[in-house]
C-alpha cells in the first residue's frame, strides 16, 4: 500500500517495471482529478506517505502516473478508460492494505474532504 492518487495509463508500451510516464490523451484531466483528491488529504498532499520499507518513496503533489510508479499490464483502470471511456483514478489510501477497525475513523477523517472535493469535480 501507499498514500497516492494514481492515474492512467498504468501500462506502458515498453512494459518496463517502473519509471515510464505513459501519457493518455486526457492526461491533463486525469492530473486535475488526482490533484483534486490529493490536495485535500493531509498525508497524500505531502507526497511523502512514509510507508514502512518505502520511506524514500515520494509523489509530487501526492499524485503519480501509474506506469511511472510501476507498470501494470491489463489493469481495470486502463481497460475502462480505453474501452468504456470511464475516467478513473486509483486511490491508495493507506500503507496498510487491511487497516484494523480501530484505524477506520482516522481514515475517514483523512479522506472525507478529499472525497467531497473529488465528487464536486466529477
PDB file of N, CA and C in Angstrom:
ATOM      1  N   UNK A   1       0.802  -1.189   0.000  1.00  0.00           N
ATOM      2  CA  UNK A   1       0.000   0.000   0.000  1.00  0.00           C
ATOM      3  C   UNK A   1       0.844   1.252   0.000  1.00  0.00           C
ATOM      4  N   UNK A   2       0.177   2.347  -0.226  1.00  0.00           N
ATOM      5  CA  UNK A   2       0.802   3.653  -0.180  1.00  0.00           C
ATOM      6  C   UNK A   2      -0.307   4.693   0.011  1.00  0.00           C
ATOM      7  N   UNK A   3       0.041   5.954  -0.084  1.00  0.00           N
ATOM      8  CA  UNK A   3      -0.935   7.032   0.014  1.00  0.00           C
ATOM      9  C   UNK A   3      -0.684   7.956  -1.174  1.00  0.00           C
ATOM     10  N   UNK A   4      -1.445   7.712  -2.263  1.00  0.00           N
ATOM     11  CA  UNK A   4      -1.221   8.422  -3.519  1.00  0.00           C
ATOM     12  C   UNK A   4      -2.445   8.274  -4.417  1.00  0.00           C
ATOM     13  N   UNK A   5      -2.652   9.246  -5.295  1.00  0.00           N
ATOM     14  CA  UNK A   5      -3.673   9.159  -6.340  1.00  0.00           C
ATOM     15  C   UNK A   5      -2.959   8.872  -7.655  1.00  0.00           C
ATOM     16  N   UNK A   6      -3.281   7.735  -8.246  1.00  0.00           N
ATOM     17  CA  UNK A   6      -2.636   7.283  -9.475  1.00  0.00           C
ATOM     18  C   UNK A   6      -3.611   7.402 -10.644  1.00  0.00           C
ATOM     19  N   UNK A   7      -3.094   7.774 -11.806  1.00  0.00           N
ATOM     20  CA  UNK A   7      -3.943   7.973 -12.978  1.00  0.00           C
ATOM     21  C   UNK A   7      -3.342   7.288 -14.207  1.00  0.00           C
ATOM     22  N   UNK A   8      -4.168   7.029 -15.244  1.00  0.00           N
ATOM     23  CA  UNK A   8      -3.721   6.318 -16.452  1.00  0.00           C
ATOM     24  C   UNK A   8      -2.622   7.067 -17.212  1.00  0.00           C
ATOM     25  N   UNK A   9      -1.923   6.264 -17.912  1.00  0.00           N
ATOM     26  CA  UNK A   9      -2.003   4.822 -18.062  1.00  0.00           C
ATOM     27  C   UNK A   9      -1.165   4.102 -17.017  1.00  0.00           C
ATOM     28  N   UNK A  10      -1.640   2.926 -16.610  1.00  0.00           N
ATOM     29  CA  UNK A  10      -0.866   2.057 -15.725  1.00  0.00           C
ATOM     30  C   UNK A  10       0.097   1.187 -16.516  1.00  0.00           C
ATOM     31  N   UNK A  11      -0.213   0.966 -17.772  1.00  0.00           N
ATOM     32  CA  UNK A  11       0.607   0.133 -18.651  1.00  0.00           C
ATOM     33  C   UNK A  11       1.408   1.050 -19.575  1.00  0.00           C
ATOM     34  N   UNK A  12       2.542   0.561 -20.037  1.00  0.00           N
ATOM     35  CA  UNK A  12       3.354   1.334 -20.970  1.00  0.00           C
ATOM     36  C   UNK A  12       3.733   0.464 -22.163  1.00  0.00           C
ATOM     37  N   UNK A  13       4.061   1.076 -23.279  1.00  0.00           N
ATOM     38  CA  UNK A  13       4.438   0.292 -24.455  1.00  0.00           C
ATOM     39  C   UNK A  13       5.681  -0.571 -24.236  1.00  0.00           C
ATOM     40  N   UNK A  14       6.574  -0.115 -23.371  1.00  0.00           N
ATOM     41  CA  UNK A  14       7.824  -0.859 -23.143  1.00  0.00           C
ATOM     42  C   UNK A  14       7.695  -1.921 -22.057  1.00  0.00           C
ATOM     43  N   UNK A  15       6.680  -1.826 -21.235  1.00  0.00           N
ATOM     44  CA  UNK A  15       6.445  -2.744 -20.104  1.00  0.00           C
ATOM     45  C   UNK A  15       7.630  -2.799 -19.140  1.00  0.00           C
ATOM     46  N   UNK A  16       8.389  -1.689 -19.069  1.00  0.00           N
ATOM     47  CA  UNK A  16       9.431  -1.614 -18.042  1.00  0.00           C
ATOM     48  C   UNK A  16       8.751  -1.585 -16.692  1.00  0.00           C
ATOM     49  N   UNK A  17       9.381  -2.151 -15.705  1.00  0.00           N
ATOM     50  CA  UNK A  17       8.769  -2.280 -14.385  1.00  0.00           C
ATOM     51  C   UNK A  17       8.383  -0.950 -13.762  1.00  0.00           C
ATOM     52  N   UNK A  18       9.162   0.082 -14.025  1.00  0.00           N
ATOM     53  CA  UNK A  18       8.915   1.373 -13.389  1.00  0.00           C
ATOM     54  C   UNK A  18       9.583   2.486 -14.189  1.00  0.00           C
ATOM     55  N   UNK A  19       9.152   3.711 -13.954  1.00  0.00           N
ATOM     56  CA  UNK A  19       9.854   4.866 -14.496  1.00  0.00           C
ATOM     57  C   UNK A  19       9.463   5.328 -15.885  1.00  0.00           C
ATOM     58  N   UNK A  20       8.396   4.776 -16.474  1.00  0.00           N
ATOM     59  CA  UNK A  20       7.963   5.193 -17.806  1.00  0.00           C
ATOM     60  C   UNK A  20       6.665   5.966 -17.681  1.00  0.00           C
ATOM     61  N   UNK A  21       6.699   7.252 -18.011  1.00  0.00           N
ATOM     62  CA  UNK A  21       5.473   8.053 -17.977  1.00  0.00           C
ATOM     63  C   UNK A  21       4.643   7.664 -19.187  1.00  0.00           C
ATOM     64  N   UNK A  22       3.483   7.118 -18.940  1.00  0.00           N
ATOM     65  CA  UNK A  22       2.611   6.627 -20.008  1.00  0.00           C
ATOM     66  C   UNK A  22       1.411   7.565 -20.114  1.00  0.00           C
ATOM     67  N   UNK A  23       1.563   8.570 -20.954  1.00  0.00           N
ATOM     68  CA  UNK A  23       0.593   9.664 -21.063  1.00  0.00           C
ATOM     69  C   UNK A  23      -0.635   9.253 -21.874  1.00  0.00           C
ATOM     70  N   UNK A  24      -1.809   9.552 -21.343  1.00  0.00           N
ATOM     71  CA  UNK A  24      -3.057   9.322 -22.072  1.00  0.00           C
ATOM     72  C   UNK A  24      -3.435  10.600 -22.820  1.00  0.00           C
ATOM     73  N   UNK A  25      -4.397  10.480 -23.711  1.00  0.00           N
ATOM     74  CA  UNK A  25      -4.893  11.649 -24.436  1.00  0.00           C
ATOM     75  C   UNK A  25      -5.531  12.663 -23.486  1.00  0.00           C
ATOM     76  N   UNK A  26      -6.001  12.189 -22.339  1.00  0.00           N
ATOM     77  CA  UNK A  26      -6.667  13.046 -21.357  1.00  0.00           C
ATOM     78  C   UNK A  26      -5.804  13.258 -20.117  1.00  0.00           C
ATOM     79  N   UNK A  27      -4.512  13.287 -20.313  1.00  0.00           N
ATOM     80  CA  UNK A  27      -3.561  13.368 -19.205  1.00  0.00           C
ATOM     81  C   UNK A  27      -3.832  14.552 -18.281  1.00  0.00           C
ATOM     82  N   UNK A  28      -4.094  15.705 -18.839  1.00  0.00           N
ATOM     83  CA  UNK A  28      -4.321  16.904 -18.011  1.00  0.00           C
ATOM     84  C   UNK A  28      -5.588  16.762 -17.163  1.00  0.00           C
ATOM     85  N   UNK A  29      -6.621  16.159 -17.708  1.00  0.00           N
ATOM     86  CA  UNK A  29      -7.855  15.944 -16.952  1.00  0.00           C
ATOM     87  C   UNK A  29      -7.591  14.987 -15.797  1.00  0.00           C
ATOM     88  N   UNK A  30      -6.871  13.900 -16.081  1.00  0.00           N
ATOM     89  CA  UNK A  30      -6.563  12.935 -15.027  1.00  0.00           C
ATOM     90  C   UNK A  30      -5.720  13.565 -13.923  1.00  0.00           C
ATOM     91  N   UNK A  31      -4.734  14.362 -14.291  1.00  0.00           N
ATOM     92  CA  UNK A  31      -3.916  15.030 -13.271  1.00  0.00           C
ATOM     93  C   UNK A  31      -4.769  15.990 -12.442  1.00  0.00           C
ATOM     94  N   UNK A  32      -5.675  16.692 -13.094  1.00  0.00           N
ATOM     95  CA  UNK A  32      -6.585  17.614 -12.406  1.00  0.00           C
ATOM     96  C   UNK A  32      -7.434  16.870 -11.373  1.00  0.00           C
ATOM     97  N   UNK A  33      -8.012  15.738 -11.772  1.00  0.00           N
ATOM     98  CA  UNK A  33      -8.841  14.956 -10.861  1.00  0.00           C
ATOM     99  C   UNK A  33      -8.023  14.361  -9.716  1.00  0.00           C
ATOM    100  N   UNK A  34      -6.847  13.841 -10.041  1.00  0.00           N
ATOM    101  CA  UNK A  34      -5.987  13.265  -8.999  1.00  0.00           C
ATOM    102  C   UNK A  34      -5.565  14.334  -7.994  1.00  0.00           C
ATOM    103  N   UNK A  35      -5.202  15.508  -8.485  1.00  0.00           N
ATOM    104  CA  UNK A  35      -4.806  16.602  -7.588  1.00  0.00           C
ATOM    105  C   UNK A  35      -5.979  17.091  -6.748  1.00  0.00           C
ATOM    106  N   UNK A  36      -7.182  17.070  -7.326  1.00  0.00           N
ATOM    107  CA  UNK A  36      -8.367  17.488  -6.563  1.00  0.00           C
ATOM    108  C   UNK A  36      -8.513  16.618  -5.323  1.00  0.00           C
ATOM    109  N   UNK A  37      -8.262  15.331  -5.462  1.00  0.00           N
ATOM    110  CA  UNK A  37      -8.355  14.427  -4.316  1.00  0.00           C
ATOM    111  C   UNK A  37      -7.155  14.631  -3.386  1.00  0.00           C
ATOM    112  N   UNK A  38      -5.970  14.528  -3.946  1.00  0.00           N
ATOM    113  CA  UNK A  38      -4.743  14.543  -3.140  1.00  0.00           C
ATOM    114  C   UNK A  38      -4.560  15.835  -2.352  1.00  0.00           C
ATOM    115  N   UNK A  39      -4.940  16.951  -2.936  1.00  0.00           N
ATOM    116  CA  UNK A  39      -4.687  18.243  -2.286  1.00  0.00           C
ATOM    117  C   UNK A  39      -5.500  18.442  -1.011  1.00  0.00           C
ATOM    118  N   UNK A  40      -6.532  17.651  -0.794  1.00  0.00           N
ATOM    119  CA  UNK A  40      -7.355  17.758   0.412  1.00  0.00           C
ATOM    120  C   UNK A  40      -7.048  16.681   1.447  1.00  0.00           C
ATOM    121  N   UNK A  41      -6.128  15.796   1.128  1.00  0.00           N
ATOM    122  CA  UNK A  41      -5.777  14.689   2.030  1.00  0.00           C
ATOM    123  C   UNK A  41      -4.524  15.081   2.822  1.00  0.00           C
ATOM    124  N   UNK A  42      -4.572  15.040   4.153  1.00  0.00           N
ATOM    125  CA  UNK A  42      -3.461  15.551   4.949  1.00  0.00           C
ATOM    126  C   UNK A  42      -2.124  14.819   4.743  1.00  0.00           C
ATOM    127  N   UNK A  43      -2.145  13.571   4.374  1.00  0.00           N
ATOM    128  CA  UNK A  43      -0.904  12.827   4.116  1.00  0.00           C
ATOM    129  C   UNK A  43      -0.570  12.836   2.634  1.00  0.00           C
ATOM    130  N   UNK A  44      -1.551  12.543   1.806  1.00  0.00           N
ATOM    131  CA  UNK A  44      -1.326  12.432   0.369  1.00  0.00           C
ATOM    132  C   UNK A  44      -0.737  13.708  -0.208  1.00  0.00           C
ATOM    133  N   UNK A  45      -1.250  14.855   0.213  1.00  0.00           N
ATOM    134  CA  UNK A  45      -0.803  16.122  -0.371  1.00  0.00           C
ATOM    135  C   UNK A  45       0.671  16.414  -0.115  1.00  0.00           C
ATOM    136  N   UNK A  46       1.256  15.784   0.920  1.00  0.00           N
ATOM    137  CA  UNK A  46       2.678  15.997   1.195  1.00  0.00           C
ATOM    138  C   UNK A  46       3.565  15.294   0.181  1.00  0.00           C
ATOM    139  N   UNK A  47       3.020  14.271  -0.473  1.00  0.00           N
ATOM    140  CA  UNK A  47       3.818  13.493  -1.419  1.00  0.00           C
ATOM    141  C   UNK A  47       4.777  12.529  -0.753  1.00  0.00           C
ATOM    142  N   UNK A  48       4.678  12.428   0.573  1.00  0.00           N
ATOM    143  CA  UNK A  48       5.578  11.558   1.336  1.00  0.00           C
ATOM    144  C   UNK A  48       4.767  10.652   2.250  1.00  0.00           C
ATOM    145  N   UNK A  49       4.310   9.496   1.726  1.00  0.00           N
ATOM    146  CA  UNK A  49       3.478   8.616   2.545  1.00  0.00           C
ATOM    147  C   UNK A  49       4.230   7.973   3.711  1.00  0.00           C
ATOM    148  N   UNK A  50       5.566   7.883   3.604  1.00  0.00           N
ATOM    149  CA  UNK A  50       6.400   7.345   4.677  1.00  0.00           C
ATOM    150  C   UNK A  50       5.974   5.942   5.104  1.00  0.00           C
ATOM    151  N   UNK A  51       5.725   5.084   4.122  1.00  0.00           N
ATOM    152  CA  UNK A  51       5.338   3.703   4.402  1.00  0.00           C
ATOM    153  C   UNK A  51       6.562   2.888   4.808  1.00  0.00           C
ATOM    154  N   UNK A  52       6.376   1.994   5.742  1.00  0.00           N
ATOM    155  CA  UNK A  52       7.453   1.140   6.232  1.00  0.00           C
ATOM    156  C   UNK A  52       8.089   0.367   5.076  1.00  0.00           C
ATOM    157  N   UNK A  53       9.391   0.466   4.956  1.00  0.00           N
ATOM    158  CA  UNK A  53      10.117  -0.201   3.888  1.00  0.00           C
ATOM    159  C   UNK A  53      10.212   0.613   2.612  1.00  0.00           C
ATOM    160  N   UNK A  54       9.432   1.685   2.523  1.00  0.00           N
ATOM    161  CA  UNK A  54       9.414   2.563   1.340  1.00  0.00           C
ATOM    162  C   UNK A  54       9.543   4.026   1.761  1.00  0.00           C
ATOM    163  N   UNK A  55      10.320   4.268   2.809  1.00  0.00           N
ATOM    164  CA  UNK A  55      10.403   5.621   3.379  1.00  0.00           C
ATOM    165  C   UNK A  55      10.872   6.671   2.378  1.00  0.00           C
ATOM    166  N   UNK A  56      11.646   6.282   1.380  1.00  0.00           N
ATOM    167  CA  UNK A  56      12.158   7.237   0.396  1.00  0.00           C
ATOM    168  C   UNK A  56      11.219   7.496  -0.768  1.00  0.00           C
ATOM    169  N   UNK A  57      10.100   6.791  -0.813  1.00  0.00           N
ATOM    170  CA  UNK A  57       9.156   6.946  -1.923  1.00  0.00           C
ATOM    171  C   UNK A  57       8.427   8.284  -1.818  1.00  0.00           C
ATOM    172  N   UNK A  58       8.451   9.046  -2.903  1.00  0.00           N
ATOM    173  CA  UNK A  58       7.769  10.338  -2.920  1.00  0.00           C
ATOM    174  C   UNK A  58       6.927  10.480  -4.184  1.00  0.00           C
ATOM    175  N   UNK A  59       5.889  11.275  -4.084  1.00  0.00           N
ATOM    176  CA  UNK A  59       4.979  11.543  -5.191  1.00  0.00           C
ATOM    177  C   UNK A  59       4.692  13.037  -5.209  1.00  0.00           C
ATOM    178  N   UNK A  60       5.259  13.784  -6.170  1.00  0.00           N
ATOM    179  CA  UNK A  60       4.987  15.224  -6.221  1.00  0.00           C
ATOM    180  C   UNK A  60       3.479  15.505  -6.257  1.00  0.00           C
ATOM    181  N   UNK A  61       3.035  16.386  -5.399  1.00  0.00           N
ATOM    182  CA  UNK A  61       1.617  16.765  -5.262  1.00  0.00           C
ATOM    183  C   UNK A  61       0.736  15.597  -4.813  1.00  0.00           C
ATOM    184  N   UNK A  62       1.333  14.477  -4.415  1.00  0.00           N
ATOM    185  CA  UNK A  62       0.559  13.324  -3.958  1.00  0.00           C
ATOM    186  C   UNK A  62      -0.066  12.513  -5.075  1.00  0.00           C
ATOM    187  N   UNK A  63       0.413  12.720  -6.311  1.00  0.00           N
ATOM    188  CA  UNK A  63      -0.153  12.002  -7.457  1.00  0.00           C
ATOM    189  C   UNK A  63       0.958  11.328  -8.256  1.00  0.00           C
ATOM    190  N   UNK A  64       0.571  10.347  -9.084  1.00  0.00           N
ATOM    191  CA  UNK A  64       1.538   9.708  -9.967  1.00  0.00           C
ATOM    192  C   UNK A  64       0.847   9.111 -11.179  1.00  0.00           C
ATOM    193  N   UNK A  65       1.552   9.128 -12.272  1.00  0.00           N
ATOM    194  CA  UNK A  65       1.134   8.358 -13.440  1.00  0.00           C
ATOM    195  C   UNK A  65       1.401   6.896 -13.096  1.00  0.00           C
ATOM    196  N   UNK A  66       0.402   6.044 -13.337  1.00  0.00           N
ATOM    197  CA  UNK A  66       0.506   4.653 -12.923  1.00  0.00           C
ATOM    198  C   UNK A  66       1.761   3.948 -13.396  1.00  0.00           C
ATOM    199  N   UNK A  67       2.039   3.999 -14.691  1.00  0.00           N
ATOM    200  CA  UNK A  67       3.200   3.288 -15.234  1.00  0.00           C
ATOM    201  C   UNK A  67       4.515   3.884 -14.763  1.00  0.00           C
ATOM    202  N   UNK A  68       4.522   5.172 -14.455  1.00  0.00           N
ATOM    203  CA  UNK A  68       5.751   5.769 -13.935  1.00  0.00           C
ATOM    204  C   UNK A  68       6.075   5.183 -12.566  1.00  0.00           C
ATOM    205  N   UNK A  69       5.034   4.920 -11.787  1.00  0.00           N
ATOM    206  CA  UNK A  69       5.230   4.319 -10.471  1.00  0.00           C
ATOM    207  C   UNK A  69       5.601   2.853 -10.632  1.00  0.00           C
ATOM    208  N   UNK A  70       4.706   2.069 -11.231  1.00  0.00           N
ATOM    209  CA  UNK A  70       5.021   0.687 -11.609  1.00  0.00           C
ATOM    210  C   UNK A  70       4.043   0.218 -12.674  1.00  0.00           C
ATOM    211  N   UNK A  71       4.559  -0.500 -13.657  1.00  0.00           N
ATOM    212  CA  UNK A  71       3.784  -0.935 -14.811  1.00  0.00           C
ATOM    213  C   UNK A  71       2.807  -2.053 -14.441  1.00  0.00           C
ATOM    214  N   UNK A  72       1.552  -1.873 -14.842  1.00  0.00           N
ATOM    215  CA  UNK A  72       0.517  -2.890 -14.627  1.00  0.00           C
ATOM    216  C   UNK A  72      -0.106  -3.191 -15.987  1.00  0.00           C
ATOM    217  N   UNK A  73       0.170  -4.351 -16.508  1.00  0.00           N
ATOM    218  CA  UNK A  73      -0.409  -4.741 -17.790  1.00  0.00           C
ATOM    219  C   UNK A  73      -1.803  -5.315 -17.580  1.00  0.00           C
ATOM    220  N   UNK A  74      -2.770  -4.838 -18.354  1.00  0.00           N
ATOM    221  CA  UNK A  74      -4.129  -5.384 -18.294  1.00  0.00           C
ATOM    222  C   UNK A  74      -4.957  -4.942 -17.104  1.00  0.00           C
ATOM    223  N   UNK A  75      -4.661  -3.788 -16.529  1.00  0.00           N
ATOM    224  CA  UNK A  75      -5.397  -3.317 -15.360  1.00  0.00           C
ATOM    225  C   UNK A  75      -6.759  -2.743 -15.714  1.00  0.00           C
ATOM    226  N   UNK A  76      -7.666  -2.758 -14.744  1.00  0.00           N
ATOM    227  CA  UNK A  76      -9.026  -2.266 -14.948  1.00  0.00           C
ATOM    228  C   UNK A  76      -9.079  -0.767 -15.235  1.00  0.00           C
ATOM    229  N   UNK A  77      -8.220   0.012 -14.605  1.00  0.00           N
ATOM    230  CA  UNK A  77      -8.233   1.458 -14.822  1.00  0.00           C
ATOM    231  C   UNK A  77      -8.010   1.770 -16.306  1.00  0.00           C
ATOM    232  N   UNK A  78      -7.021   1.149 -16.914  1.00  0.00           N
ATOM    233  CA  UNK A  78      -6.740   1.375 -18.334  1.00  0.00           C
ATOM    234  C   UNK A  78      -7.835   0.772 -19.211  1.00  0.00           C
ATOM    235  N   UNK A  79      -8.264  -0.416 -18.875  1.00  0.00           N
ATOM    236  CA  UNK A  79      -9.309  -1.086 -19.666  1.00  0.00           C
ATOM    237  C   UNK A  79     -10.576  -0.234 -19.710  1.00  0.00           C
ATOM    238  N   UNK A  80     -11.023   0.235 -18.564  1.00  0.00           N
ATOM    239  CA  UNK A  80     -12.244   1.035 -18.509  1.00  0.00           C
ATOM    240  C   UNK A  80     -12.099   2.360 -19.251  1.00  0.00           C
ATOM    241  N   UNK A  81     -10.918   2.940 -19.213  1.00  0.00           N
ATOM    242  CA  UNK A  81     -10.678   4.189 -19.937  1.00  0.00           C
ATOM    243  C   UNK A  81     -10.712   3.948 -21.451  1.00  0.00           C
ATOM    244  N   UNK A  82      -9.999   2.944 -21.912  1.00  0.00           N
ATOM    245  CA  UNK A  82      -9.892   2.678 -23.347  1.00  0.00           C
ATOM    246  C   UNK A  82     -11.199   2.156 -23.942  1.00  0.00           C
ATOM    247  N   UNK A  83     -11.829   1.217 -23.267  1.00  0.00           N
ATOM    248  CA  UNK A  83     -12.977   0.528 -23.859  1.00  0.00           C
ATOM    249  C   UNK A  83     -14.340   1.073 -23.431  1.00  0.00           C
ATOM    250  N   UNK A  84     -14.407   1.818 -22.341  1.00  0.00           N
ATOM    251  CA  UNK A  84     -15.705   2.324 -21.883  1.00  0.00           C
ATOM    252  C   UNK A  84     -15.706   3.836 -21.659  1.00  0.00           C
ATOM    253  N   UNK A  85     -14.581   4.490 -21.948  1.00  0.00           N
ATOM    254  CA  UNK A  85     -14.455   5.933 -21.792  1.00  0.00           C
ATOM    255  C   UNK A  85     -14.742   6.384 -20.360  1.00  0.00           C
ATOM    256  N   UNK A  86     -14.380   5.550 -19.384  1.00  0.00           N
ATOM    257  CA  UNK A  86     -14.518   5.884 -17.966  1.00  0.00           C
ATOM    258  C   UNK A  86     -13.236   6.544 -17.485  1.00  0.00           C
ATOM    259  N   UNK A  87     -13.362   7.672 -16.854  1.00  0.00           N
ATOM    260  CA  UNK A  87     -12.218   8.393 -16.324  1.00  0.00           C
ATOM    261  C   UNK A  87     -12.036   7.999 -14.865  1.00  0.00           C
ATOM    262  N   UNK A  88     -11.152   7.049 -14.633  1.00  0.00           N
ATOM    263  CA  UNK A  88     -10.912   6.535 -13.285  1.00  0.00           C
ATOM    264  C   UNK A  88      -9.518   6.905 -12.809  1.00  0.00           C
ATOM    265  N   UNK A  89      -9.429   7.151 -11.530  1.00  0.00           N
ATOM    266  CA  UNK A  89      -8.128   7.223 -10.879  1.00  0.00           C
ATOM    267  C   UNK A  89      -8.131   6.133  -9.812  1.00  0.00           C
ATOM    268  N   UNK A  90      -6.945   5.721  -9.434  1.00  0.00           N
ATOM    269  CA  UNK A  90      -6.804   4.723  -8.377  1.00  0.00           C
ATOM    270  C   UNK A  90      -6.290   5.428  -7.137  1.00  0.00           C
ATOM    271  N   UNK A  91      -6.954   5.200  -6.029  1.00  0.00           N
ATOM    272  CA  UNK A  91      -6.570   5.833  -4.769  1.00  0.00           C
ATOM    273  C   UNK A  91      -5.964   4.803  -3.838  1.00  0.00           C
ATOM    274  N   UNK A  92      -4.709   4.999  -3.517  1.00  0.00           N
ATOM    275  CA  UNK A  92      -4.042   4.205  -2.493  1.00  0.00           C
ATOM    276  C   UNK A  92      -4.185   5.022  -1.218  1.00  0.00           C
ATOM    277  N   UNK A  93      -4.921   4.505  -0.247  1.00  0.00           N
ATOM    278  CA  UNK A  93      -5.312   5.314   0.907  1.00  0.00           C
ATOM    279  C   UNK A  93      -4.557   5.020   2.193  1.00  0.00           C
ATOM    280  N   UNK A  94      -3.757   3.977   2.186  1.00  0.00           N
ATOM    281  CA  UNK A  94      -3.078   3.611   3.421  1.00  0.00           C
ATOM    282  C   UNK A  94      -1.857   2.757   3.102  1.00  0.00           C
ATOM    283  N   UNK A  95      -0.849   2.873   3.933  1.00  0.00           N
ATOM    284  CA  UNK A  95       0.310   1.996   3.800  1.00  0.00           C
ATOM    285  C   UNK A  95      -0.071   0.554   4.108  1.00  0.00           C
ATOM    286  N   UNK A  96      -1.100   0.401   4.898  1.00  0.00           N
ATOM    287  CA  UNK A  96      -1.578  -0.914   5.317  1.00  0.00           C
ATOM    288  C   UNK A  96      -2.765  -1.316   4.448  1.00  0.00           C
ATOM    289  N   UNK A  97      -2.664  -2.468   3.778  1.00  0.00           N
ATOM    290  CA  UNK A  97      -3.757  -2.925   2.907  1.00  0.00           C
ATOM    291  C   UNK A  97      -5.031  -3.232   3.696  1.00  0.00           C
ATOM    292  N   UNK A  98      -4.894  -3.691   4.905  1.00  0.00           N
ATOM    293  CA  UNK A  98      -6.043  -4.049   5.733  1.00  0.00           C
ATOM    294  C   UNK A  98      -5.912  -3.406   7.107  1.00  0.00           C
ATOM    295  N   UNK A  99      -6.225  -2.102   7.194  1.00  0.00           N
ATOM    296  CA  UNK A  99      -6.083  -1.424   8.488  1.00  0.00           C
ATOM    297  C   UNK A  99      -7.068  -1.999   9.511  1.00  0.00           C
ATOM    298  N   UNK A 100      -6.652  -2.034  10.761  1.00  0.00           N
ATOM    299  CA  UNK A 100      -7.557  -2.523  11.802  1.00  0.00           C
ATOM    300  C   UNK A 100      -8.770  -1.603  11.947  1.00  0.00           C
ATOM    301  N   UNK A 101      -9.836  -2.156  12.450  1.00  0.00           N
ATOM    302  CA  UNK A 101     -11.090  -1.417  12.639  1.00  0.00           C
ATOM    303  C   UNK A 101     -10.866  -0.134  13.432  1.00  0.00           C
ATOM    304  N   UNK A 102      -9.985  -0.190  14.395  1.00  0.00           N
ATOM    305  CA  UNK A 102      -9.736   0.983  15.235  1.00  0.00           C
ATOM    306  C   UNK A 102      -9.170   2.168  14.446  1.00  0.00           C
ATOM    307  N   UNK A 103      -8.570   1.899  13.268  1.00  0.00           N
ATOM    308  CA  UNK A 103      -7.991   2.959  12.442  1.00  0.00           C
ATOM    309  C   UNK A 103      -8.996   3.579  11.465  1.00  0.00           C
ATOM    310  N   UNK A 104     -10.148   2.953  11.285  1.00  0.00           N
ATOM    311  CA  UNK A 104     -11.096   3.418  10.273  1.00  0.00           C
ATOM    312  C   UNK A 104     -11.636   4.831  10.510  1.00  0.00           C
ATOM    313  N   UNK A 105     -11.937   5.233  11.746  1.00  0.00           N
ATOM    314  CA  UNK A 105     -12.374   6.630  11.933  1.00  0.00           C
ATOM    315  C   UNK A 105     -11.316   7.644  11.480  1.00  0.00           C
ATOM    316  N   UNK A 106     -10.048   7.354  11.757  1.00  0.00           N
ATOM    317  CA  UNK A 106      -8.969   8.246  11.317  1.00  0.00           C
ATOM    318  C   UNK A 106      -8.899   8.270   9.785  1.00  0.00           C
ATOM    319  N   UNK A 107      -9.054   7.117   9.153  1.00  0.00           N
ATOM    320  CA  UNK A 107      -9.027   7.064   7.689  1.00  0.00           C
ATOM    321  C   UNK A 107     -10.180   7.863   7.101  1.00  0.00           C
ATOM    322  N   UNK A 108     -11.343   7.774   7.723  1.00  0.00           N
ATOM    323  CA  UNK A 108     -12.483   8.564   7.258  1.00  0.00           C
ATOM    324  C   UNK A 108     -12.174  10.058   7.375  1.00  0.00           C
ATOM    325  N   UNK A 109     -11.622  10.468   8.505  1.00  0.00           N
ATOM    326  CA  UNK A 109     -11.269  11.875   8.690  1.00  0.00           C
ATOM    327  C   UNK A 109     -10.250  12.332   7.644  1.00  0.00           C
ATOM    328  N   UNK A 110      -9.293  11.465   7.323  1.00  0.00           N
ATOM    329  CA  UNK A 110      -8.270  11.811   6.328  1.00  0.00           C
ATOM    330  C   UNK A 110      -8.850  11.950   4.923  1.00  0.00           C
ATOM    331  N   UNK A 111      -9.924  11.237   4.628  1.00  0.00           N
ATOM    332  CA  UNK A 111     -10.436  11.162   3.262  1.00  0.00           C
ATOM    333  C   UNK A 111     -11.731  11.920   3.000  1.00  0.00           C
ATOM    334  N   UNK A 112     -12.429  12.334   4.025  1.00  0.00           N
ATOM    335  CA  UNK A 112     -13.741  12.968   3.854  1.00  0.00           C
ATOM    336  C   UNK A 112     -13.686  14.177   2.908  1.00  0.00           C
ATOM    337  N   UNK A 113     -12.831  15.139   3.187  1.00  0.00           N
ATOM    338  CA  UNK A 113     -12.767  16.352   2.356  1.00  0.00           C
ATOM    339  C   UNK A 113     -12.281  16.035   0.947  1.00  0.00           C
ATOM    340  N   UNK A 114     -11.382  15.071   0.826  1.00  0.00           N
ATOM    341  CA  UNK A 114     -10.906  14.654  -0.499  1.00  0.00           C
ATOM    342  C   UNK A 114     -12.030  14.080  -1.323  1.00  0.00           C
ATOM    343  N   UNK A 115     -12.835  13.230  -0.695  1.00  0.00           N
ATOM    344  CA  UNK A 115     -13.971  12.638  -1.410  1.00  0.00           C
ATOM    345  C   UNK A 115     -14.952  13.708  -1.878  1.00  0.00           C
ATOM    346  N   UNK A 116     -15.255  14.645  -1.016  1.00  0.00           N
ATOM    347  CA  UNK A 116     -16.185  15.706  -1.379  1.00  0.00           C
ATOM    348  C   UNK A 116     -15.623  16.565  -2.520  1.00  0.00           C
ATOM    349  N   UNK A 117     -14.348  16.901  -2.438  1.00  0.00           N
ATOM    350  CA  UNK A 117     -13.716  17.701  -3.499  1.00  0.00           C
ATOM    351  C   UNK A 117     -13.740  16.937  -4.825  1.00  0.00           C
ATOM    352  N   UNK A 118     -13.463  15.647  -4.780  1.00  0.00           N
ATOM    353  CA  UNK A 118     -13.459  14.823  -5.978  1.00  0.00           C
ATOM    354  C   UNK A 118     -14.862  14.741  -6.587  1.00  0.00           C
ATOM    355  N   UNK A 119     -15.857  14.525  -5.747  1.00  0.00           N
ATOM    356  CA  UNK A 119     -17.244  14.450  -6.228  1.00  0.00           C
ATOM    357  C   UNK A 119     -17.665  15.763  -6.869  1.00  0.00           C
ATOM    358  N   UNK A 120     -17.233  16.875  -6.291  1.00  0.00           N
ATOM    359  CA  UNK A 120     -17.559  18.177  -6.874  1.00  0.00           C
ATOM    360  C   UNK A 120     -16.984  18.322  -8.272  1.00  0.00           C
ATOM    361  N   UNK A 121     -15.802  17.780  -8.510  1.00  0.00           N
ATOM    362  CA  UNK A 121     -15.174  17.864  -9.835  1.00  0.00           C
ATOM    363  C   UNK A 121     -15.883  16.983 -10.841  1.00  0.00           C
ATOM    364  N   UNK A 122     -16.320  15.833 -10.384  1.00  0.00           N
ATOM    365  CA  UNK A 122     -16.996  14.892 -11.283  1.00  0.00           C
ATOM    366  C   UNK A 122     -18.318  15.493 -11.717  1.00  0.00           C
TER     367      UNK A 122
END
